[in-house]
Amino acid sequence: MKNRKPLVIVSTVLAAALALPAFAQSAQSGAAAQQGGGGGGQTWASVDTDSDGSISKQEAQVNAGLSQIFDAADGNADGKLTPDEYKAFVAKQQDGANSAAPQQQN
């Protein structure tokens, strides 16, 4: 039991990750995201206001969930969040949530 992460921390990180729009998916779609193709929510392109392909800490302020996890997701701590850094962060959070979830017994 002493190796288990506190459930509160895991829940908080997971909630922040799930609160984010599907940036990873919109980042992959490239041109479609640049054109703002209708899904209603924010896309990577709509947050990346200077269109440099990455999101700065200042740009992230328009999304509360993204601004909360920005420093943790910015893998190389350069103040720019790339689509690859974001996807790696989300994957890590999902893996952590899956391993923290109690195993169901049949």
PDB file of N, CA and C in Angstrom:
ATOM      1  N   MET A   1       0.802  -1.194   0.000  1.00  0.00           N
ATOM      2  CA  MET A   1       0.000   0.000   0.000  1.00  0.00           C
ATOM      3  C   MET A   1       0.846   1.260   0.000  1.00  0.00           C
ATOM      4  N   LYS A   2       2.059   1.199   0.536  1.00  0.00           N
ATOM      5  CA  LYS A   2       2.857   2.414   0.605  1.00  0.00           C
ATOM      6  C   LYS A   2       3.351   2.875  -0.756  1.00  0.00           C
ATOM      7  N   ASN A   3       3.235   2.054  -1.797  1.00  0.00           N
ATOM      8  CA  ASN A   3       3.653   2.443  -3.133  1.00  0.00           C
ATOM      9  C   ASN A   3       2.518   3.031  -3.965  1.00  0.00           C
ATOM     10  N   ARG A   4       1.294   3.028  -3.452  1.00  0.00           N
ATOM     11  CA  ARG A   4       0.159   3.570  -4.190  1.00  0.00           C
ATOM     12  C   ARG A   4       0.163   5.087  -4.152  1.00  0.00           C
ATOM     13  N   LYS A   5      -0.105   5.693  -5.296  1.00  0.00           N
ATOM     14  CA  LYS A   5      -0.236   7.147  -5.332  1.00  0.00           C
ATOM     15  C   LYS A   5      -1.562   7.500  -4.688  1.00  0.00           C
ATOM     16  N   PRO A   6      -1.603   8.618  -4.013  1.00  0.00           N
ATOM     17  CA  PRO A   6      -2.885   9.030  -3.439  1.00  0.00           C
ATOM     18  C   PRO A   6      -3.926   9.198  -4.541  1.00  0.00           C
ATOM     19  N   LEU A   7      -5.094   8.668  -4.288  1.00  0.00           N
ATOM     20  CA  LEU A   7      -6.172   8.702  -5.275  1.00  0.00           C
ATOM     21  C   LEU A   7      -6.534  10.127  -5.658  1.00  0.00           C
ATOM     22  N   VAL A   8      -6.406  11.046  -4.742  1.00  0.00           N
ATOM     23  CA  VAL A   8      -6.741  12.441  -5.029  1.00  0.00           C
ATOM     24  C   VAL A   8      -5.847  13.000  -6.131  1.00  0.00           C
ATOM     25  N   ILE A   9      -4.562  12.721  -6.078  1.00  0.00           N
ATOM     26  CA  ILE A   9      -3.629  13.230  -7.083  1.00  0.00           C
ATOM     27  C   ILE A   9      -3.941  12.629  -8.441  1.00  0.00           C
ATOM     28  N   VAL A  10      -4.133  11.339  -8.481  1.00  0.00           N
ATOM     29  CA  VAL A  10      -4.446  10.664  -9.743  1.00  0.00           C
ATOM     30  C   VAL A  10      -5.750  11.208 -10.315  1.00  0.00           C
ATOM     31  N   SER A  11      -6.752  11.378  -9.460  1.00  0.00           N
ATOM     32  CA  SER A  11      -8.046  11.888  -9.913  1.00  0.00           C
ATOM     33  C   SER A  11      -7.929  13.309 -10.457  1.00  0.00           C
ATOM     34  N   THR A  12      -7.141  14.138  -9.788  1.00  0.00           N
ATOM     35  CA  THR A  12      -6.975  15.524 -10.221  1.00  0.00           C
ATOM     36  C   THR A  12      -6.300  15.603 -11.585  1.00  0.00           C
ATOM     37  N   VAL A  13      -5.239  14.846 -11.758  1.00  0.00           N
ATOM     38  CA  VAL A  13      -4.516  14.851 -13.032  1.00  0.00           C
ATOM     39  C   VAL A  13      -5.400  14.297 -14.145  1.00  0.00           C
ATOM     40  N   LEU A  14      -6.103  13.219 -13.852  1.00  0.00           N
ATOM     41  CA  LEU A  14      -6.983  12.634 -14.860  1.00  0.00           C
ATOM     42  C   LEU A  14      -8.102  13.595 -15.228  1.00  0.00           C
ATOM     43  N   ALA A  15      -8.682  14.253 -14.239  1.00  0.00           N
ATOM     44  CA  ALA A  15      -9.752  15.210 -14.520  1.00  0.00           C
ATOM     45  C   ALA A  15      -9.248  16.356 -15.391  1.00  0.00           C
ATOM     46  N   ALA A  16      -8.041  16.835 -15.107  1.00  0.00           N
ATOM     47  CA  ALA A  16      -7.474  17.919 -15.916  1.00  0.00           C
ATOM     48  C   ALA A  16      -7.242  17.450 -17.346  1.00  0.00           C
ATOM     49  N   ALA A  17      -6.726  16.233 -17.504  1.00  0.00           N
ATOM     50  CA  ALA A  17      -6.478  15.708 -18.844  1.00  0.00           C
ATOM     51  C   ALA A  17      -7.777  15.495 -19.611  1.00  0.00           C
ATOM     52  N   LEU A  18      -8.796  14.999 -18.940  1.00  0.00           N
ATOM     53  CA  LEU A  18     -10.068  14.750 -19.613  1.00  0.00           C
ATOM     54  C   LEU A  18     -10.826  16.040 -19.897  1.00  0.00           C
ATOM     55  N   ALA A  19     -10.520  17.103 -19.170  1.00  0.00           N
ATOM     56  CA  ALA A  19     -11.193  18.370 -19.386  1.00  0.00           C
ATOM     57  C   ALA A  19     -10.700  19.067 -20.649  1.00  0.00           C
ATOM     58  N   LEU A  20      -9.591  18.607 -21.199  1.00  0.00           N
ATOM     59  CA  LEU A  20      -9.021  19.243 -22.373  1.00  0.00           C
ATOM     60  C   LEU A  20      -9.763  18.834 -23.631  1.00  0.00           C
ATOM     61  N   PRO A  21      -9.850  19.722 -24.593  1.00  0.00           N
ATOM     62  CA  PRO A  21     -10.413  19.338 -25.883  1.00  0.00           C
ATOM     63  C   PRO A  21      -9.522  18.290 -26.541  1.00  0.00           C
ATOM     64  N   ALA A  22     -10.000  17.718 -27.569  1.00  0.00           N
ATOM     65  CA  ALA A  22      -9.254  16.663 -28.262  1.00  0.00           C
ATOM     66  C   ALA A  22      -8.146  17.277 -29.101  1.00  0.00           C
ATOM     67  N   PHE A  23      -7.221  17.983 -28.445  1.00  0.00           N
ATOM     68  CA  PHE A  23      -6.126  18.635 -29.152  1.00  0.00           C
ATOM     69  C   PHE A  23      -5.267  17.638 -29.893  1.00  0.00           C
ATOM     70  N   ALA A  24      -4.995  16.507 -29.276  1.00  0.00           N
ATOM     71  CA  ALA A  24      -4.109  15.533 -29.903  1.00  0.00           C
ATOM     72  C   ALA A  24      -4.675  15.091 -31.244  1.00  0.00           C
ATOM     73  N   GLN A  25      -5.968  14.851 -31.294  1.00  0.00           N
ATOM     74  CA  GLN A  25      -6.581  14.422 -32.544  1.00  0.00           C
ATOM     75  C   GLN A  25      -6.588  15.559 -33.559  1.00  0.00           C
ATOM     76  N   SER A  26      -6.930  16.777 -33.115  1.00  0.00           N
ATOM     77  CA  SER A  26      -6.973  17.889 -34.058  1.00  0.00           C
ATOM     78  C   SER A  26      -5.570  18.266 -34.521  1.00  0.00           C
ATOM     79  N   ALA A  27      -4.563  18.038 -33.674  1.00  0.00           N
ATOM     80  CA  ALA A  27      -3.188  18.323 -34.079  1.00  0.00           C
ATOM     81  C   ALA A  27      -2.757  17.387 -35.196  1.00  0.00           C
ATOM     82  N   GLN A  28      -3.242  16.146 -35.179  1.00  0.00           N
ATOM     83  CA  GLN A  28      -2.886  15.190 -36.222  1.00  0.00           C
ATOM     84  C   GLN A  28      -3.547  15.534 -37.547  1.00  0.00           C
ATOM     85  N   SER A  29      -4.718  16.135 -37.484  1.00  0.00           N
ATOM     86  CA  SER A  29      -5.444  16.381 -38.722  1.00  0.00           C
ATOM     87  C   SER A  29      -4.937  17.594 -39.486  1.00  0.00           C
ATOM     88  N   GLY A  30      -3.984  18.334 -38.916  1.00  0.00           N
ATOM     89  CA  GLY A  30      -3.269  19.398 -39.611  1.00  0.00           C
ATOM     90  C   GLY A  30      -4.119  20.396 -40.360  1.00  0.00           C
ATOM     91  N   ALA A  31      -4.249  20.227 -41.652  1.00  0.00           N
ATOM     92  CA  ALA A  31      -4.939  21.193 -42.490  1.00  0.00           C
ATOM     93  C   ALA A  31      -6.391  21.358 -42.084  1.00  0.00           C
ATOM     94  N   ALA A  32      -7.050  20.293 -41.719  1.00  0.00           N
ATOM     95  CA  ALA A  32      -8.446  20.380 -41.306  1.00  0.00           C
ATOM     96  C   ALA A  32      -8.574  21.242 -40.054  1.00  0.00           C
ATOM     97  N   ALA A  33      -7.640  21.105 -39.124  1.00  0.00           N
ATOM     98  CA  ALA A  33      -7.662  21.908 -37.911  1.00  0.00           C
ATOM     99  C   ALA A  33      -7.390  23.375 -38.240  1.00  0.00           C
ATOM    100  N   GLN A  34      -6.503  23.631 -39.204  1.00  0.00           N
ATOM    101  CA  GLN A  34      -6.200  25.008 -39.586  1.00  0.00           C
ATOM    102  C   GLN A  34      -7.421  25.697 -40.174  1.00  0.00           C
ATOM    103  N   GLN A  35      -8.269  24.940 -40.869  1.00  0.00           N
ATOM    104  CA  GLN A  35      -9.460  25.516 -41.487  1.00  0.00           C
ATOM    105  C   GLN A  35     -10.610  25.613 -40.495  1.00  0.00           C
ATOM    106  N   GLY A  36     -10.436  25.046 -39.303  1.00  0.00           N
ATOM    107  CA  GLY A  36     -11.454  25.153 -38.273  1.00  0.00           C
ATOM    108  C   GLY A  36     -12.667  24.304 -38.534  1.00  0.00           C
ATOM    109  N   GLY A  37     -12.531  23.183 -39.240  1.00  0.00           N
ATOM    110  CA  GLY A  37     -13.627  22.346 -39.642  1.00  0.00           C
ATOM    111  C   GLY A  37     -14.605  22.005 -38.557  1.00  0.00           C
ATOM    112  N   GLY A  38     -15.699  22.346 -38.422  1.00  0.00           N
ATOM    113  CA  GLY A  38     -16.744  22.380 -37.453  1.00  0.00           C
ATOM    114  C   GLY A  38     -16.822  21.392 -36.357  1.00  0.00           C
ATOM    115  N   GLY A  39     -16.344  21.177 -35.358  1.00  0.00           N
ATOM    116  CA  GLY A  39     -16.668  20.270 -34.267  1.00  0.00           C
ATOM    117  C   GLY A  39     -17.172  21.008 -33.077  1.00  0.00           C
ATOM    118  N   GLY A  40     -17.217  22.329 -33.130  1.00  0.00           N
ATOM    119  CA  GLY A  40     -17.817  23.053 -32.035  1.00  0.00           C
ATOM    120  C   GLY A  40     -16.827  23.496 -30.972  1.00  0.00           C
ATOM    121  N   GLY A  41     -15.934  22.654 -30.498  1.00  0.00           N
ATOM    122  CA  GLY A  41     -15.017  23.011 -29.417  1.00  0.00           C
ATOM    123  C   GLY A  41     -13.743  23.631 -29.942  1.00  0.00           C
ATOM    124  N   GLN A  42     -12.831  23.860 -29.023  1.00  0.00           N
ATOM    125  CA  GLN A  42     -11.537  24.401 -29.408  1.00  0.00           C
ATOM    126  C   GLN A  42     -10.710  23.331 -30.096  1.00  0.00           C
ATOM    127  N   THR A  43      -9.931  23.758 -31.050  1.00  0.00           N
ATOM    128  CA  THR A  43      -8.991  22.870 -31.719  1.00  0.00           C
ATOM    129  C   THR A  43      -7.589  23.379 -31.426  1.00  0.00           C
ATOM    130  N   TRP A  44      -6.604  22.565 -31.766  1.00  0.00           N
ATOM    131  CA  TRP A  44      -5.217  22.986 -31.590  1.00  0.00           C
ATOM    132  C   TRP A  44      -4.996  24.314 -32.321  1.00  0.00           C
ATOM    133  N   ALA A  45      -5.496  24.395 -33.555  1.00  0.00           N
ATOM    134  CA  ALA A  45      -5.294  25.599 -34.373  1.00  0.00           C
ATOM    135  C   ALA A  45      -5.973  26.823 -33.767  1.00  0.00           C
ATOM    136  N   SER A  46      -7.113  26.645 -33.134  1.00  0.00           N
ATOM    137  CA  SER A  46      -7.799  27.812 -32.563  1.00  0.00           C
ATOM    138  C   SER A  46      -7.095  28.334 -31.316  1.00  0.00           C
ATOM    139  N   VAL A  47      -6.379  27.471 -30.605  1.00  0.00           N
ATOM    140  CA  VAL A  47      -5.614  27.904 -29.430  1.00  0.00           C
ATOM    141  C   VAL A  47      -4.244  28.430 -29.853  1.00  0.00           C
ATOM    142  N   ASP A  48      -3.673  27.848 -30.904  1.00  0.00           N
ATOM    143  CA  ASP A  48      -2.371  28.269 -31.430  1.00  0.00           C
ATOM    144  C   ASP A  48      -2.557  29.521 -32.268  1.00  0.00           C
ATOM    145  N   THR A  49      -2.748  30.657 -31.606  1.00  0.00           N
ATOM    146  CA  THR A  49      -3.120  31.888 -32.311  1.00  0.00           C
ATOM    147  C   THR A  49      -2.017  32.451 -33.199  1.00  0.00           C
ATOM    148  N   ASP A  50      -0.748  32.130 -32.924  1.00  0.00           N
ATOM    149  CA  ASP A  50       0.318  32.624 -33.797  1.00  0.00           C
ATOM    150  C   ASP A  50       0.665  31.622 -34.900  1.00  0.00           C
ATOM    151  N   SER A  51      -0.047  30.504 -34.945  1.00  0.00           N
ATOM    152  CA  SER A  51       0.093  29.481 -35.998  1.00  0.00           C
ATOM    153  C   SER A  51       1.527  28.969 -36.170  1.00  0.00           C
ATOM    154  N   ASP A  52       2.255  28.839 -35.057  1.00  0.00           N
ATOM    155  CA  ASP A  52       3.615  28.314 -35.172  1.00  0.00           C
ATOM    156  C   ASP A  52       3.672  26.801 -34.947  1.00  0.00           C
ATOM    157  N   GLY A  53       2.519  26.173 -34.742  1.00  0.00           N
ATOM    158  CA  GLY A  53       2.468  24.727 -34.579  1.00  0.00           C
ATOM    159  C   GLY A  53       2.554  24.260 -33.140  1.00  0.00           C
ATOM    160  N   SER A  54       2.874  25.173 -32.227  1.00  0.00           N
ATOM    161  CA  SER A  54       2.928  24.821 -30.816  1.00  0.00           C
ATOM    162  C   SER A  54       2.129  25.851 -30.031  1.00  0.00           C
ATOM    163  N   ILE A  55       1.812  25.484 -28.787  1.00  0.00           N
ATOM    164  CA  ILE A  55       1.024  26.375 -27.941  1.00  0.00           C
ATOM    165  C   ILE A  55       1.917  26.908 -26.829  1.00  0.00           C
ATOM    166  N   SER A  56       1.965  28.232 -26.723  1.00  0.00           N
ATOM    167  CA  SER A  56       2.754  28.859 -25.663  1.00  0.00           C
ATOM    168  C   SER A  56       1.935  28.878 -24.377  1.00  0.00           C
ATOM    169  N   LYS A  57       2.606  29.159 -23.276  1.00  0.00           N
ATOM    170  CA  LYS A  57       1.909  29.236 -21.993  1.00  0.00           C
ATOM    171  C   LYS A  57       0.845  30.332 -22.037  1.00  0.00           C
ATOM    172  N   GLN A  58       1.146  31.421 -22.713  1.00  0.00           N
ATOM    173  CA  GLN A  58       0.183  32.518 -22.834  1.00  0.00           C
ATOM    174  C   GLN A  58      -1.025  32.077 -23.654  1.00  0.00           C
ATOM    175  N   GLU A  59      -0.803  31.377 -24.764  1.00  0.00           N
ATOM    176  CA  GLU A  59      -1.915  30.894 -25.589  1.00  0.00           C
ATOM    177  C   GLU A  59      -2.770  29.894 -24.818  1.00  0.00           C
ATOM    178  N   ALA A  60      -2.151  29.100 -23.959  1.00  0.00           N
ATOM    179  CA  ALA A  60      -2.867  28.074 -23.203  1.00  0.00           C
ATOM    180  C   ALA A  60      -3.848  28.676 -22.203  1.00  0.00           C
ATOM    181  N   GLN A  61      -3.692  29.934 -21.848  1.00  0.00           N
ATOM    182  CA  GLN A  61      -4.552  30.565 -20.846  1.00  0.00           C
ATOM    183  C   GLN A  61      -6.024  30.606 -21.262  1.00  0.00           C
ATOM    184  N   VAL A  62      -6.329  30.446 -22.544  1.00  0.00           N
ATOM    185  CA  VAL A  62      -7.726  30.477 -22.984  1.00  0.00           C
ATOM    186  C   VAL A  62      -8.468  29.196 -22.633  1.00  0.00           C
ATOM    187  N   ASN A  63      -7.745  28.170 -22.190  1.00  0.00           N
ATOM    188  CA  ASN A  63      -8.357  26.893 -21.829  1.00  0.00           C
ATOM    189  C   ASN A  63      -7.900  26.527 -20.421  1.00  0.00           C
ATOM    190  N   ALA A  64      -8.833  26.535 -19.469  1.00  0.00           N
ATOM    191  CA  ALA A  64      -8.484  26.309 -18.058  1.00  0.00           C
ATOM    192  C   ALA A  64      -7.798  24.961 -17.850  1.00  0.00           C
ATOM    193  N   GLY A  65      -8.290  23.918 -18.485  1.00  0.00           N
ATOM    194  CA  GLY A  65      -7.692  22.596 -18.320  1.00  0.00           C
ATOM    195  C   GLY A  65      -6.271  22.550 -18.854  1.00  0.00           C
ATOM    196  N   LEU A  66      -6.064  23.149 -20.008  1.00  0.00           N
ATOM    197  CA  LEU A  66      -4.731  23.160 -20.614  1.00  0.00           C
ATOM    198  C   LEU A  66      -3.759  23.989 -19.793  1.00  0.00           C
ATOM    199  N   SER A  67      -4.206  25.127 -19.301  1.00  0.00           N
ATOM    200  CA  SER A  67      -3.292  25.959 -18.512  1.00  0.00           C
ATOM    201  C   SER A  67      -2.903  25.268 -17.204  1.00  0.00           C
ATOM    202  N   GLN A  68      -3.798  24.426 -16.643  1.00  0.00           N
ATOM    203  CA  GLN A  68      -3.481  23.712 -15.399  1.00  0.00           C
ATOM    204  C   GLN A  68      -2.386  22.672 -15.590  1.00  0.00           C
ATOM    205  N   ILE A  69      -2.359  22.031 -16.743  1.00  0.00           N
ATOM    206  CA  ILE A  69      -1.400  20.940 -16.950  1.00  0.00           C
ATOM    207  C   ILE A  69      -0.240  21.342 -17.848  1.00  0.00           C
ATOM    208  N   PHE A  70      -0.193  22.603 -18.258  1.00  0.00           N
ATOM    209  CA  PHE A  70       0.799  23.046 -19.245  1.00  0.00           C
ATOM    210  C   PHE A  70       2.223  22.676 -18.846  1.00  0.00           C
ATOM    211  N   ASP A  71       2.633  23.039 -17.626  1.00  0.00           N
ATOM    212  CA  ASP A  71       4.019  22.788 -17.206  1.00  0.00           C
ATOM    213  C   ASP A  71       4.346  21.299 -17.188  1.00  0.00           C
ATOM    214  N   ALA A  72       3.403  20.482 -16.743  1.00  0.00           N
ATOM    215  CA  ALA A  72       3.636  19.034 -16.704  1.00  0.00           C
ATOM    216  C   ALA A  72       3.694  18.443 -18.114  1.00  0.00           C
ATOM    217  N   ALA A  73       2.914  18.991 -19.031  1.00  0.00           N
ATOM    218  CA  ALA A  73       2.869  18.463 -20.391  1.00  0.00           C
ATOM    219  C   ALA A  73       4.029  18.958 -21.252  1.00  0.00           C
ATOM    220  N   ASP A  74       4.586  20.113 -20.932  1.00  0.00           N
ATOM    221  CA  ASP A  74       5.704  20.685 -21.693  1.00  0.00           C
ATOM    222  C   ASP A  74       6.963  19.885 -21.373  1.00  0.00           C
ATOM    223  N   GLY A  75       7.165  18.815 -22.111  1.00  0.00           N
ATOM    224  CA  GLY A  75       8.211  17.842 -21.817  1.00  0.00           C
ATOM    225  C   GLY A  75       9.614  18.403 -21.687  1.00  0.00           C
ATOM    226  N   ASN A  76       9.985  19.364 -22.508  1.00  0.00           N
ATOM    227  CA  ASN A  76      11.343  19.897 -22.443  1.00  0.00           C
ATOM    228  C   ASN A  76      11.399  21.265 -21.763  1.00  0.00           C
ATOM    229  N   ALA A  77      10.295  21.673 -21.162  1.00  0.00           N
ATOM    230  CA  ALA A  77      10.212  22.912 -20.377  1.00  0.00           C
ATOM    231  C   ALA A  77      10.726  24.137 -21.128  1.00  0.00           C
ATOM    232  N   ASP A  78      10.395  24.212 -22.419  1.00  0.00           N
ATOM    233  CA  ASP A  78      10.829  25.368 -23.207  1.00  0.00           C
ATOM    234  C   ASP A  78       9.739  26.429 -23.347  1.00  0.00           C
ATOM    235  N   GLY A  79       8.607  26.223 -22.680  1.00  0.00           N
ATOM    236  CA  GLY A  79       7.524  27.196 -22.753  1.00  0.00           C
ATOM    237  C   GLY A  79       6.636  27.023 -23.969  1.00  0.00           C
ATOM    238  N   LYS A  80       6.866  25.978 -24.737  1.00  0.00           N
ATOM    239  CA  LYS A  80       6.056  25.679 -25.919  1.00  0.00           C
ATOM    240  C   LYS A  80       5.576  24.241 -25.819  1.00  0.00           C
ATOM    241  N   LEU A  81       4.299  24.030 -26.003  1.00  0.00           N
ATOM    242  CA  LEU A  81       3.722  22.699 -25.975  1.00  0.00           C
ATOM    243  C   LEU A  81       3.468  22.254 -27.413  1.00  0.00           C
ATOM    244  N   THR A  82       4.162  21.216 -27.831  1.00  0.00           N
ATOM    245  CA  THR A  82       3.994  20.700 -29.191  1.00  0.00           C
ATOM    246  C   THR A  82       2.919  19.621 -29.187  1.00  0.00           C
ATOM    247  N   PRO A  83       2.359  19.321 -30.356  1.00  0.00           N
ATOM    248  CA  PRO A  83       1.378  18.233 -30.418  1.00  0.00           C
ATOM    249  C   PRO A  83       1.936  16.909 -29.893  1.00  0.00           C
ATOM    250  N   ASP A  84       3.195  16.615 -30.187  1.00  0.00           N
ATOM    251  CA  ASP A  84       3.800  15.367 -29.710  1.00  0.00           C
ATOM    252  C   ASP A  84       3.930  15.350 -28.183  1.00  0.00           C
ATOM    253  N   GLU A  85       4.307  16.487 -27.593  1.00  0.00           N
ATOM    254  CA  GLU A  85       4.401  16.567 -26.130  1.00  0.00           C
ATOM    255  C   GLU A  85       3.023  16.366 -25.508  1.00  0.00           C
ATOM    256  N   TYR A  86       2.024  17.002 -26.097  1.00  0.00           N
ATOM    257  CA  TYR A  86       0.664  16.880 -25.573  1.00  0.00           C
ATOM    258  C   TYR A  86       0.172  15.433 -25.665  1.00  0.00           C
ATOM    259  N   LYS A  87       0.377  14.805 -26.822  1.00  0.00           N
ATOM    260  CA  LYS A  87      -0.065  13.411 -26.996  1.00  0.00           C
ATOM    261  C   LYS A  87       0.654  12.489 -26.016  1.00  0.00           C
ATOM    262  N   ALA A  88       1.952  12.710 -25.791  1.00  0.00           N
ATOM    263  CA  ALA A  88       2.709  11.888 -24.844  1.00  0.00           C
ATOM    264  C   ALA A  88       2.183  12.084 -23.418  1.00  0.00           C
ATOM    265  N   PHE A  89       1.849  13.318 -23.068  1.00  0.00           N
ATOM    266  CA  PHE A  89       1.312  13.595 -21.733  1.00  0.00           C
ATOM    267  C   PHE A  89      -0.024  12.893 -21.536  1.00  0.00           C
ATOM    268  N   VAL A  90      -0.914  13.013 -22.509  1.00  0.00           N
ATOM    269  CA  VAL A  90      -2.237  12.381 -22.406  1.00  0.00           C
ATOM    270  C   VAL A  90      -2.088  10.864 -22.308  1.00  0.00           C
ATOM    271  N   ALA A  91      -1.214  10.291 -23.128  1.00  0.00           N
ATOM    272  CA  ALA A  91      -1.005   8.833 -23.091  1.00  0.00           C
ATOM    273  C   ALA A  91      -0.478   8.406 -21.723  1.00  0.00           C
ATOM    274  N   LYS A  92       0.449   9.180 -21.162  1.00  0.00           N
ATOM    275  CA  LYS A  92       1.005   8.856 -19.850  1.00  0.00           C
ATOM    276  C   LYS A  92      -0.079   8.929 -18.779  1.00  0.00           C
ATOM    277  N   GLN A  93      -0.948   9.940 -18.858  1.00  0.00           N
ATOM    278  CA  GLN A  93      -2.017  10.080 -17.877  1.00  0.00           C
ATOM    279  C   GLN A  93      -3.021   8.937 -17.999  1.00  0.00           C
ATOM    280  N   GLN A  94      -3.329   8.544 -19.219  1.00  0.00           N
ATOM    281  CA  GLN A  94      -4.259   7.432 -19.418  1.00  0.00           C
ATOM    282  C   GLN A  94      -3.661   6.130 -18.909  1.00  0.00           C
ATOM    283  N   ASP A  95      -2.368   5.917 -19.157  1.00  0.00           N
ATOM    284  CA  ASP A  95      -1.700   4.716 -18.653  1.00  0.00           C
ATOM    285  C   ASP A  95      -1.693   4.713 -17.130  1.00  0.00           C
ATOM    286  N   GLY A  96      -1.423   5.858 -16.531  1.00  0.00           N
ATOM    287  CA  GLY A  96      -1.423   5.971 -15.070  1.00  0.00           C
ATOM    288  C   GLY A  96      -2.790   5.737 -14.479  1.00  0.00           C
ATOM    289  N   ALA A  97      -3.820   6.246 -15.152  1.00  0.00           N
ATOM    290  CA  ALA A  97      -5.176   6.046 -14.667  1.00  0.00           C
ATOM    291  C   ALA A  97      -5.590   4.586 -14.773  1.00  0.00           C
ATOM    292  N   ASN A  98      -5.166   3.947 -15.844  1.00  0.00           N
ATOM    293  CA  ASN A  98      -5.502   2.530 -16.020  1.00  0.00           C
ATOM    294  C   ASN A  98      -4.802   1.669 -14.992  1.00  0.00           C
ATOM    295  N   SER A  99      -3.559   1.996 -14.656  1.00  0.00           N
ATOM    296  CA  SER A  99      -2.843   1.192 -13.675  1.00  0.00           C
ATOM    297  C   SER A  99      -3.288   1.497 -12.251  1.00  0.00           C
ATOM    298  N   ALA A 100      -3.846   2.707 -12.020  1.00  0.00           N
ATOM    299  CA  ALA A 100      -4.315   3.075 -10.683  1.00  0.00           C
ATOM    300  C   ALA A 100      -5.715   2.534 -10.406  1.00  0.00           C
ATOM    301  N   ALA A 101      -6.449   2.208 -11.461  1.00  0.00           N
ATOM    302  CA  ALA A 101      -7.811   1.700 -11.285  1.00  0.00           C
ATOM    303  C   ALA A 101      -7.767   0.317 -10.653  1.00  0.00           C
ATOM    304  N   PRO A 102      -8.636   0.069  -9.700  1.00  0.00           N
ATOM    305  CA  PRO A 102      -8.649  -1.262  -9.079  1.00  0.00           C
ATOM    306  C   PRO A 102      -9.063  -2.328 -10.088  1.00  0.00           C
ATOM    307  N   GLN A 103      -8.432  -3.452  -9.995  1.00  0.00           N
ATOM    308  CA  GLN A 103      -8.747  -4.581 -10.889  1.00  0.00           C
ATOM    309  C   GLN A 103     -10.040  -5.226 -10.428  1.00  0.00           C
ATOM    310  N   GLN A 104     -10.926  -5.466 -11.373  1.00  0.00           N
ATOM    311  CA  GLN A 104     -12.189  -6.145 -11.050  1.00  0.00           C
ATOM    312  C   GLN A 104     -11.958  -7.635 -10.972  1.00  0.00           C
ATOM    313  N   GLN A 105     -12.556  -8.239  -9.983  1.00  0.00           N
ATOM    314  CA  GLN A 105     -12.465  -9.678  -9.847  1.00  0.00           C
ATOM    315  C   GLN A 105     -13.787 -10.297 -10.242  1.00  0.00           C
ATOM    316  N   ASN A 106     -13.718 -11.392 -10.962  1.00  0.00           N
ATOM    317  CA  ASN A 106     -14.953 -12.056 -11.397  1.00  0.00           C
ATOM    318  C   ASN A 106     -15.361 -13.122 -10.438  1.00  0.00           C
TER     319      ASN A 106
END
